[in-house]
Amino acid sequence: MNKSSKIVLGIIGAAAVGAVIGMLVAPSNGDEMRKKISKAASDFAEDLTKAIAAGREQMSDAKGTILKEAKGLSSDAAARYSRVKESLS
């Protein structure tokens, strides 16, 4: 997980904790409180799911880039090997 993903998850987590604390401190009856906490938890889960999906997409993109670079390096190494082998013959 890269630095920006960690920051986003930290902000989402802090917002969720702040929302729950705000609801617990605010005056309201038990039913309203449970509904508010349930909604906040649901919103947090949705945000977390989105952040995880974004992280997976970034990892997939990075994997593609790394594989592409590795193939390029492999081809370059094979070409250099052939040139060196020919020059020694």
PDB file of N, CA and C in Angstrom:
ATOM      1  N   MET A   1       0.855  -1.166   0.000  1.00  0.00           N
ATOM      2  CA  MET A   1       0.000   0.000   0.000  1.00  0.00           C
ATOM      3  C   MET A   1       0.901   1.229   0.000  1.00  0.00           C
ATOM      4  N   ASN A   2       0.632   2.147  -0.926  1.00  0.00           N
ATOM      5  CA  ASN A   2       1.494   3.310  -1.009  1.00  0.00           C
ATOM      6  C   ASN A   2       1.064   4.386  -0.015  1.00  0.00           C
ATOM      7  N   LYS A   3       1.859   5.435   0.041  1.00  0.00           N
ATOM      8  CA  LYS A   3       1.661   6.484   1.037  1.00  0.00           C
ATOM      9  C   LYS A   3       0.309   7.175   0.880  1.00  0.00           C
ATOM     10  N   SER A   4      -0.097   7.469  -0.358  1.00  0.00           N
ATOM     11  CA  SER A   4      -1.367   8.173  -0.552  1.00  0.00           C
ATOM     12  C   SER A   4      -2.553   7.305  -0.140  1.00  0.00           C
ATOM     13  N   SER A   5      -2.473   5.990  -0.373  1.00  0.00           N
ATOM     14  CA  SER A   5      -3.551   5.091   0.052  1.00  0.00           C
ATOM     15  C   SER A   5      -3.663   5.066   1.572  1.00  0.00           C
ATOM     16  N   LYS A   6      -2.520   5.061   2.243  1.00  0.00           N
ATOM     17  CA  LYS A   6      -2.533   5.068   3.701  1.00  0.00           C
ATOM     18  C   LYS A   6      -3.148   6.353   4.229  1.00  0.00           C
ATOM     19  N   ILE A   7      -2.839   7.466   3.579  1.00  0.00           N
ATOM     20  CA  ILE A   7      -3.385   8.754   4.006  1.00  0.00           C
ATOM     21  C   ILE A   7      -4.896   8.764   3.823  1.00  0.00           C
ATOM     22  N   VAL A   8      -5.361   8.277   2.676  1.00  0.00           N
ATOM     23  CA  VAL A   8      -6.803   8.243   2.412  1.00  0.00           C
ATOM     24  C   VAL A   8      -7.509   7.366   3.436  1.00  0.00           C
ATOM     25  N   LEU A   9      -6.963   6.178   3.700  1.00  0.00           N
ATOM     26  CA  LEU A   9      -7.581   5.296   4.693  1.00  0.00           C
ATOM     27  C   LEU A   9      -7.565   5.928   6.083  1.00  0.00           C
ATOM     28  N   GLY A  10      -6.510   6.631   6.414  1.00  0.00           N
ATOM     29  CA  GLY A  10      -6.437   7.322   7.704  1.00  0.00           C
ATOM     30  C   GLY A  10      -7.495   8.401   7.830  1.00  0.00           C
ATOM     31  N   ILE A  11      -7.690   9.165   6.762  1.00  0.00           N
ATOM     32  CA  ILE A  11      -8.695  10.220   6.778  1.00  0.00           C
ATOM     33  C   ILE A  11     -10.093   9.629   6.896  1.00  0.00           C
ATOM     34  N   ILE A  12     -10.344   8.560   6.143  1.00  0.00           N
ATOM     35  CA  ILE A  12     -11.660   7.909   6.208  1.00  0.00           C
ATOM     36  C   ILE A  12     -11.911   7.360   7.608  1.00  0.00           C
ATOM     37  N   GLY A  13     -10.904   6.719   8.180  1.00  0.00           N
ATOM     38  CA  GLY A  13     -11.040   6.176   9.525  1.00  0.00           C
ATOM     39  C   GLY A  13     -11.277   7.264  10.564  1.00  0.00           C
ATOM     40  N   ALA A  14     -10.531   8.351  10.449  1.00  0.00           N
ATOM     41  CA  ALA A  14     -10.694   9.458  11.400  1.00  0.00           C
ATOM     42  C   ALA A  14     -12.083  10.078  11.268  1.00  0.00           C
ATOM     43  N   ALA A  15     -12.568  10.207  10.034  1.00  0.00           N
ATOM     44  CA  ALA A  15     -13.904  10.768   9.828  1.00  0.00           C
ATOM     45  C   ALA A  15     -14.967   9.863  10.444  1.00  0.00           C
ATOM     46  N   ALA A  16     -14.814   8.559  10.278  1.00  0.00           N
ATOM     47  CA  ALA A  16     -15.787   7.627  10.843  1.00  0.00           C
ATOM     48  C   ALA A  16     -15.781   7.682  12.366  1.00  0.00           C
ATOM     49  N   VAL A  17     -14.597   7.695  12.944  1.00  0.00           N
ATOM     50  CA  VAL A  17     -14.494   7.767  14.407  1.00  0.00           C
ATOM     51  C   VAL A  17     -15.088   9.073  14.907  1.00  0.00           C
ATOM     52  N   GLY A  18     -14.787  10.176  14.211  1.00  0.00           N
ATOM     53  CA  GLY A  18     -15.336  11.474  14.596  1.00  0.00           C
ATOM     54  C   GLY A  18     -16.851  11.491  14.513  1.00  0.00           C
ATOM     55  N   ALA A  19     -17.402  10.869  13.485  1.00  0.00           N
ATOM     56  CA  ALA A  19     -18.857  10.824  13.338  1.00  0.00           C
ATOM     57  C   ALA A  19     -19.503  10.036  14.473  1.00  0.00           C
ATOM     58  N   VAL A  20     -18.913   8.899  14.820  1.00  0.00           N
ATOM     59  CA  VAL A  20     -19.463   8.079  15.907  1.00  0.00           C
ATOM     60  C   VAL A  20     -19.367   8.825  17.230  1.00  0.00           C
ATOM     61  N   ILE A  21     -18.248   9.463  17.487  1.00  0.00           N
ATOM     62  CA  ILE A  21     -18.104  10.221  18.743  1.00  0.00           C
ATOM     63  C   ILE A  21     -19.108  11.361  18.788  1.00  0.00           C
ATOM     64  N   GLY A  22     -19.278  12.048  17.657  1.00  0.00           N
ATOM     65  CA  GLY A  22     -20.249  13.135  17.596  1.00  0.00           C
ATOM     66  C   GLY A  22     -21.658  12.647  17.872  1.00  0.00           C
ATOM     67  N   MET A  23     -21.994  11.488  17.351  1.00  0.00           N
ATOM     68  CA  MET A  23     -23.337  10.936  17.586  1.00  0.00           C
ATOM     69  C   MET A  23     -23.514  10.511  19.041  1.00  0.00           C
ATOM     70  N   LEU A  24     -22.474   9.970  19.627  1.00  0.00           N
ATOM     71  CA  LEU A  24     -22.580   9.526  21.022  1.00  0.00           C
ATOM     72  C   LEU A  24     -22.715  10.706  21.975  1.00  0.00           C
ATOM     73  N   VAL A  25     -22.121  11.827  21.612  1.00  0.00           N
ATOM     74  CA  VAL A  25     -22.170  13.002  22.471  1.00  0.00           C
ATOM     75  C   VAL A  25     -23.477  13.776  22.264  1.00  0.00           C
ATOM     76  N   ALA A  26     -24.028  13.720  21.067  1.00  0.00           N
ATOM     77  CA  ALA A  26     -25.245  14.476  20.745  1.00  0.00           C
ATOM     78  C   ALA A  26     -26.441  13.888  21.477  1.00  0.00           C
ATOM     79  N   PRO A  27     -27.352  14.756  21.910  1.00  0.00           N
ATOM     80  CA  PRO A  27     -28.551  14.259  22.603  1.00  0.00           C
ATOM     81  C   PRO A  27     -29.563  13.683  21.608  1.00  0.00           C
ATOM     82  N   SER A  28     -29.879  12.405  21.760  1.00  0.00           N
ATOM     83  CA  SER A  28     -30.922  11.761  20.950  1.00  0.00           C
ATOM     84  C   SER A  28     -31.295  10.452  21.621  1.00  0.00           C
ATOM     85  N   ASN A  29     -32.452   9.895  21.229  1.00  0.00           N
ATOM     86  CA  ASN A  29     -32.885   8.663  21.881  1.00  0.00           C
ATOM     87  C   ASN A  29     -32.148   7.453  21.308  1.00  0.00           C
ATOM     88  N   GLY A  30     -32.359   6.298  21.891  1.00  0.00           N
ATOM     89  CA  GLY A  30     -31.628   5.084  21.525  1.00  0.00           C
ATOM     90  C   GLY A  30     -31.849   4.638  20.093  1.00  0.00           C
ATOM     91  N   ASP A  31     -33.102   4.681  19.610  1.00  0.00           N
ATOM     92  CA  ASP A  31     -33.390   4.266  18.237  1.00  0.00           C
ATOM     93  C   ASP A  31     -32.665   5.156  17.226  1.00  0.00           C
ATOM     94  N   GLU A  32     -32.759   6.455  17.444  1.00  0.00           N
ATOM     95  CA  GLU A  32     -32.086   7.382  16.531  1.00  0.00           C
ATOM     96  C   GLU A  32     -30.579   7.154  16.539  1.00  0.00           C
ATOM     97  N   MET A  33     -30.036   6.939  17.724  1.00  0.00           N
ATOM     98  CA  MET A  33     -28.591   6.737  17.861  1.00  0.00           C
ATOM     99  C   MET A  33     -28.156   5.483  17.114  1.00  0.00           C
ATOM    100  N   ARG A  34     -28.897   4.387  17.279  1.00  0.00           N
ATOM    101  CA  ARG A  34     -28.550   3.147  16.594  1.00  0.00           C
ATOM    102  C   ARG A  34     -28.624   3.316  15.079  1.00  0.00           C
ATOM    103  N   LYS A  35     -29.637   4.021  14.603  1.00  0.00           N
ATOM    104  CA  LYS A  35     -29.761   4.273  13.163  1.00  0.00           C
ATOM    105  C   LYS A  35     -28.595   5.105  12.652  1.00  0.00           C
ATOM    106  N   LYS A  36     -28.233   6.135  13.411  1.00  0.00           N
ATOM    107  CA  LYS A  36     -27.120   6.997  12.994  1.00  0.00           C
ATOM    108  C   LYS A  36     -25.805   6.219  12.974  1.00  0.00           C
ATOM    109  N   ILE A  37     -25.574   5.421  14.004  1.00  0.00           N
ATOM    110  CA  ILE A  37     -24.347   4.631  14.070  1.00  0.00           C
ATOM    111  C   ILE A  37     -24.323   3.603  12.942  1.00  0.00           C
ATOM    112  N   SER A  38     -25.461   2.973  12.680  1.00  0.00           N
ATOM    113  CA  SER A  38     -25.537   2.001  11.592  1.00  0.00           C
ATOM    114  C   SER A  38     -25.247   2.662  10.248  1.00  0.00           C
ATOM    115  N   LYS A  39     -25.810   3.850  10.024  1.00  0.00           N
ATOM    116  CA  LYS A  39     -25.565   4.574   8.769  1.00  0.00           C
ATOM    117  C   LYS A  39     -24.095   4.962   8.661  1.00  0.00           C
ATOM    118  N   ALA A  40     -23.515   5.450   9.750  1.00  0.00           N
ATOM    119  CA  ALA A  40     -22.103   5.836   9.732  1.00  0.00           C
ATOM    120  C   ALA A  40     -21.226   4.620   9.441  1.00  0.00           C
ATOM    121  N   ALA A  41     -21.537   3.481  10.045  1.00  0.00           N
ATOM    122  CA  ALA A  41     -20.758   2.265   9.799  1.00  0.00           C
ATOM    123  C   ALA A  41     -20.906   1.813   8.350  1.00  0.00           C
ATOM    124  N   SER A  42     -22.110   1.915   7.829  1.00  0.00           N
ATOM    125  CA  SER A  42     -22.354   1.535   6.437  1.00  0.00           C
ATOM    126  C   SER A  42     -21.581   2.455   5.484  1.00  0.00           C
ATOM    127  N   ASP A  43     -21.620   3.749   5.755  1.00  0.00           N
ATOM    128  CA  ASP A  43     -20.880   4.712   4.927  1.00  0.00           C
ATOM    129  C   ASP A  43     -19.377   4.444   4.997  1.00  0.00           C
ATOM    130  N   PHE A  44     -18.894   4.143   6.194  1.00  0.00           N
ATOM    131  CA  PHE A  44     -17.470   3.850   6.359  1.00  0.00           C
ATOM    132  C   PHE A  44     -17.082   2.599   5.574  1.00  0.00           C
ATOM    133  N   ALA A  45     -17.921   1.563   5.661  1.00  0.00           N
ATOM    134  CA  ALA A  45     -17.638   0.318   4.935  1.00  0.00           C
ATOM    135  C   ALA A  45     -17.613   0.578   3.430  1.00  0.00           C
ATOM    136  N   GLU A  46     -18.531   1.402   2.948  1.00  0.00           N
ATOM    137  CA  GLU A  46     -18.572   1.730   1.521  1.00  0.00           C
ATOM    138  C   GLU A  46     -17.310   2.495   1.102  1.00  0.00           C
ATOM    139  N   ASP A  47     -16.925   3.475   1.906  1.00  0.00           N
ATOM    140  CA  ASP A  47     -15.701   4.236   1.599  1.00  0.00           C
ATOM    141  C   ASP A  47     -14.473   3.342   1.637  1.00  0.00           C
ATOM    142  N   LEU A  48     -14.414   2.445   2.595  1.00  0.00           N
ATOM    143  CA  LEU A  48     -13.283   1.530   2.710  1.00  0.00           C
ATOM    144  C   LEU A  48     -13.226   0.595   1.509  1.00  0.00           C
ATOM    145  N   THR A  49     -14.385   0.101   1.079  1.00  0.00           N
ATOM    146  CA  THR A  49     -14.444  -0.766  -0.096  1.00  0.00           C
ATOM    147  C   THR A  49     -13.935  -0.034  -1.332  1.00  0.00           C
ATOM    148  N   LYS A  50     -14.336   1.213  -1.488  1.00  0.00           N
ATOM    149  CA  LYS A  50     -13.871   2.017  -2.623  1.00  0.00           C
ATOM    150  C   LYS A  50     -12.357   2.231  -2.558  1.00  0.00           C
ATOM    151  N   ALA A  51     -11.844   2.510  -1.365  1.00  0.00           N
ATOM    152  CA  ALA A  51     -10.406   2.722  -1.213  1.00  0.00           C
ATOM    153  C   ALA A  51      -9.621   1.444  -1.521  1.00  0.00           C
ATOM    154  N   ILE A  52     -10.140   0.313  -1.088  1.00  0.00           N
ATOM    155  CA  ILE A  52      -9.473  -0.968  -1.371  1.00  0.00           C
ATOM    156  C   ILE A  52      -9.489  -1.249  -2.866  1.00  0.00           C
ATOM    157  N   ALA A  53     -10.616  -0.976  -3.516  1.00  0.00           N
ATOM    158  CA  ALA A  53     -10.708  -1.185  -4.968  1.00  0.00           C
ATOM    159  C   ALA A  53      -9.713  -0.286  -5.708  1.00  0.00           C
ATOM    160  N   ALA A  54      -9.594   0.951  -5.254  1.00  0.00           N
ATOM    161  CA  ALA A  54      -8.632   1.868  -5.880  1.00  0.00           C
ATOM    162  C   ALA A  54      -7.204   1.361  -5.672  1.00  0.00           C
ATOM    163  N   GLY A  55      -6.916   0.847  -4.492  1.00  0.00           N
ATOM    164  CA  GLY A  55      -5.595   0.290  -4.217  1.00  0.00           C
ATOM    165  C   GLY A  55      -5.292  -0.916  -5.082  1.00  0.00           C
ATOM    166  N   ARG A  56      -6.292  -1.765  -5.262  1.00  0.00           N
ATOM    167  CA  ARG A  56      -6.102  -2.938  -6.131  1.00  0.00           C
ATOM    168  C   ARG A  56      -5.835  -2.515  -7.565  1.00  0.00           C
ATOM    169  N   GLU A  57      -6.545  -1.492  -8.013  1.00  0.00           N
ATOM    170  CA  GLU A  57      -6.336  -1.000  -9.380  1.00  0.00           C
ATOM    171  C   GLU A  57      -4.914  -0.446  -9.538  1.00  0.00           C
ATOM    172  N   GLN A  58      -4.458   0.285  -8.543  1.00  0.00           N
ATOM    173  CA  GLN A  58      -3.086   0.803  -8.585  1.00  0.00           C
ATOM    174  C   GLN A  58      -2.078  -0.336  -8.606  1.00  0.00           C
ATOM    175  N   MET A  59      -2.323  -1.378  -7.821  1.00  0.00           N
ATOM    176  CA  MET A  59      -1.413  -2.524  -7.793  1.00  0.00           C
ATOM    177  C   MET A  59      -1.404  -3.233  -9.147  1.00  0.00           C
ATOM    178  N   SER A  60      -2.558  -3.358  -9.749  1.00  0.00           N
ATOM    179  CA  SER A  60      -2.662  -3.999 -11.057  1.00  0.00           C
ATOM    180  C   SER A  60      -1.899  -3.192 -12.109  1.00  0.00           C
ATOM    181  N   ASP A  61      -2.061  -1.882 -12.070  1.00  0.00           N
ATOM    182  CA  ASP A  61      -1.338  -1.017 -12.999  1.00  0.00           C
ATOM    183  C   ASP A  61       0.173  -1.145 -12.800  1.00  0.00           C
ATOM    184  N   ALA A  62       0.592  -1.169 -11.541  1.00  0.00           N
ATOM    185  CA  ALA A  62       2.020  -1.296 -11.247  1.00  0.00           C
ATOM    186  C   ALA A  62       2.542  -2.645 -11.720  1.00  0.00           C
ATOM    187  N   LYS A  63       1.770  -3.686 -11.536  1.00  0.00           N
ATOM    188  CA  LYS A  63       2.178  -5.023 -11.978  1.00  0.00           C
ATOM    189  C   LYS A  63       2.373  -5.044 -13.487  1.00  0.00           C
ATOM    190  N   GLY A  64       1.425  -4.445 -14.215  1.00  0.00           N
ATOM    191  CA  GLY A  64       1.545  -4.381 -15.676  1.00  0.00           C
ATOM    192  C   GLY A  64       2.791  -3.634 -16.115  1.00  0.00           C
ATOM    193  N   THR A  65       3.068  -2.540 -15.468  1.00  0.00           N
ATOM    194  CA  THR A  65       4.256  -1.746 -15.803  1.00  0.00           C
ATOM    195  C   THR A  65       5.525  -2.534 -15.514  1.00  0.00           C
ATOM    196  N   ILE A  66       5.569  -3.193 -14.387  1.00  0.00           N
ATOM    197  CA  ILE A  66       6.756  -3.971 -14.012  1.00  0.00           C
ATOM    198  C   ILE A  66       6.978  -5.116 -14.987  1.00  0.00           C
ATOM    199  N   LEU A  67       5.911  -5.827 -15.347  1.00  0.00           N
ATOM    200  CA  LEU A  67       6.052  -6.938 -16.300  1.00  0.00           C
ATOM    201  C   LEU A  67       6.530  -6.432 -17.665  1.00  0.00           C
ATOM    202  N   LYS A  68       5.995  -5.315 -18.101  1.00  0.00           N
ATOM    203  CA  LYS A  68       6.399  -4.735 -19.382  1.00  0.00           C
ATOM    204  C   LYS A  68       7.884  -4.362 -19.354  1.00  0.00           C
ATOM    205  N   GLU A  69       8.313  -3.727 -18.284  1.00  0.00           N
ATOM    206  CA  GLU A  69       9.722  -3.358 -18.148  1.00  0.00           C
ATOM    207  C   GLU A  69      10.615  -4.598 -18.080  1.00  0.00           C
ATOM    208  N   ALA A  70      10.170  -5.613 -17.356  1.00  0.00           N
ATOM    209  CA  ALA A  70      10.969  -6.836 -17.231  1.00  0.00           C
ATOM    210  C   ALA A  70      11.140  -7.515 -18.590  1.00  0.00           C
ATOM    211  N   LYS A  71      10.069  -7.552 -19.378  1.00  0.00           N
ATOM    212  CA  LYS A  71      10.171  -8.148 -20.714  1.00  0.00           C
ATOM    213  C   LYS A  71      11.134  -7.359 -21.585  1.00  0.00           C
ATOM    214  N   GLY A  72      11.066  -6.038 -21.485  1.00  0.00           N
ATOM    215  CA  GLY A  72      11.983  -5.192 -22.244  1.00  0.00           C
ATOM    216  C   GLY A  72      13.425  -5.425 -21.843  1.00  0.00           C
ATOM    217  N   LEU A  73      13.672  -5.526 -20.543  1.00  0.00           N
ATOM    218  CA  LEU A  73      15.029  -5.773 -20.054  1.00  0.00           C
ATOM    219  C   LEU A  73      15.523  -7.152 -20.483  1.00  0.00           C
ATOM    220  N   SER A  74      14.631  -8.129 -20.458  1.00  0.00           N
ATOM    221  CA  SER A  74      15.002  -9.476 -20.873  1.00  0.00           C
ATOM    222  C   SER A  74      15.385  -9.501 -22.353  1.00  0.00           C
ATOM    223  N   SER A  75      14.596  -8.837 -23.174  1.00  0.00           N
ATOM    224  CA  SER A  75      14.903  -8.775 -24.604  1.00  0.00           C
ATOM    225  C   SER A  75      16.223  -8.061 -24.847  1.00  0.00           C
ATOM    226  N   ASP A  76      16.442  -6.982 -24.120  1.00  0.00           N
ATOM    227  CA  ASP A  76      17.685  -6.222 -24.255  1.00  0.00           C
ATOM    228  C   ASP A  76      18.884  -7.073 -23.842  1.00  0.00           C
ATOM    229  N   ALA A  77      18.751  -7.819 -22.759  1.00  0.00           N
ATOM    230  CA  ALA A  77      19.839  -8.676 -22.293  1.00  0.00           C
ATOM    231  C   ALA A  77      20.128  -9.778 -23.305  1.00  0.00           C
ATOM    232  N   ALA A  78      19.078 -10.350 -23.887  1.00  0.00           N
ATOM    233  CA  ALA A  78      19.266 -11.409 -24.881  1.00  0.00           C
ATOM    234  C   ALA A  78      19.986 -10.857 -26.120  1.00  0.00           C
ATOM    235  N   ALA A  79      19.608  -9.661 -26.538  1.00  0.00           N
ATOM    236  CA  ALA A  79      20.258  -9.041 -27.700  1.00  0.00           C
ATOM    237  C   ALA A  79      21.728  -8.757 -27.410  1.00  0.00           C
ATOM    238  N   ARG A  80      22.023  -8.261 -26.241  1.00  0.00           N
ATOM    239  CA  ARG A  80      23.424  -7.984 -25.872  1.00  0.00           C
ATOM    240  C   ARG A  80      24.230  -9.272 -25.795  1.00  0.00           C
ATOM    241  N   TYR A  81      23.634 -10.308 -25.236  1.00  0.00           N
ATOM    242  CA  TYR A  81      24.312 -11.598 -25.156  1.00  0.00           C
ATOM    243  C   TYR A  81      24.665 -12.092 -26.550  1.00  0.00           C
ATOM    244  N   SER A  82      23.709 -11.976 -27.473  1.00  0.00           N
ATOM    245  CA  SER A  82      23.965 -12.432 -28.851  1.00  0.00           C
ATOM    246  C   SER A  82      25.087 -11.645 -29.476  1.00  0.00           C
ATOM    247  N   ARG A  83      25.105 -10.328 -29.257  1.00  0.00           N
ATOM    248  CA  ARG A  83      26.186  -9.498 -29.840  1.00  0.00           C
ATOM    249  C   ARG A  83      27.544  -9.874 -29.254  1.00  0.00           C
ATOM    250  N   VAL A  84      27.599 -10.102 -27.962  1.00  0.00           N
ATOM    251  CA  VAL A  84      28.865 -10.470 -27.324  1.00  0.00           C
ATOM    252  C   VAL A  84      29.302 -11.852 -27.815  1.00  0.00           C
ATOM    253  N   LYS A  85      28.396 -12.774 -27.933  1.00  0.00           N
ATOM    254  CA  LYS A  85      28.705 -14.118 -28.389  1.00  0.00           C
ATOM    255  C   LYS A  85      29.258 -14.077 -29.818  1.00  0.00           C
ATOM    256  N   GLU A  86      28.631 -13.274 -30.674  1.00  0.00           N
ATOM    257  CA  GLU A  86      29.100 -13.133 -32.053  1.00  0.00           C
ATOM    258  C   GLU A  86      30.474 -12.492 -32.133  1.00  0.00           C
ATOM    259  N   SER A  87      30.708 -11.517 -31.266  1.00  0.00           N
ATOM    260  CA  SER A  87      32.007 -10.836 -31.307  1.00  0.00           C
ATOM    261  C   SER A  87      33.131 -11.729 -30.807  1.00  0.00           C
ATOM    262  N   LEU A  88      32.833 -12.703 -29.984  1.00  0.00           N
ATOM    263  CA  LEU A  88      33.847 -13.624 -29.485  1.00  0.00           C
ATOM    264  C   LEU A  88      34.089 -14.779 -30.447  1.00  0.00           C
ATOM    265  N   SER A  89      33.207 -14.988 -31.397  1.00  0.00           N
ATOM    266  CA  SER A  89      33.344 -16.096 -32.339  1.00  0.00           C
ATOM    267  C   SER A  89      34.333 -15.784 -33.411  1.00  0.00           C
TER     268      SER A  89
END
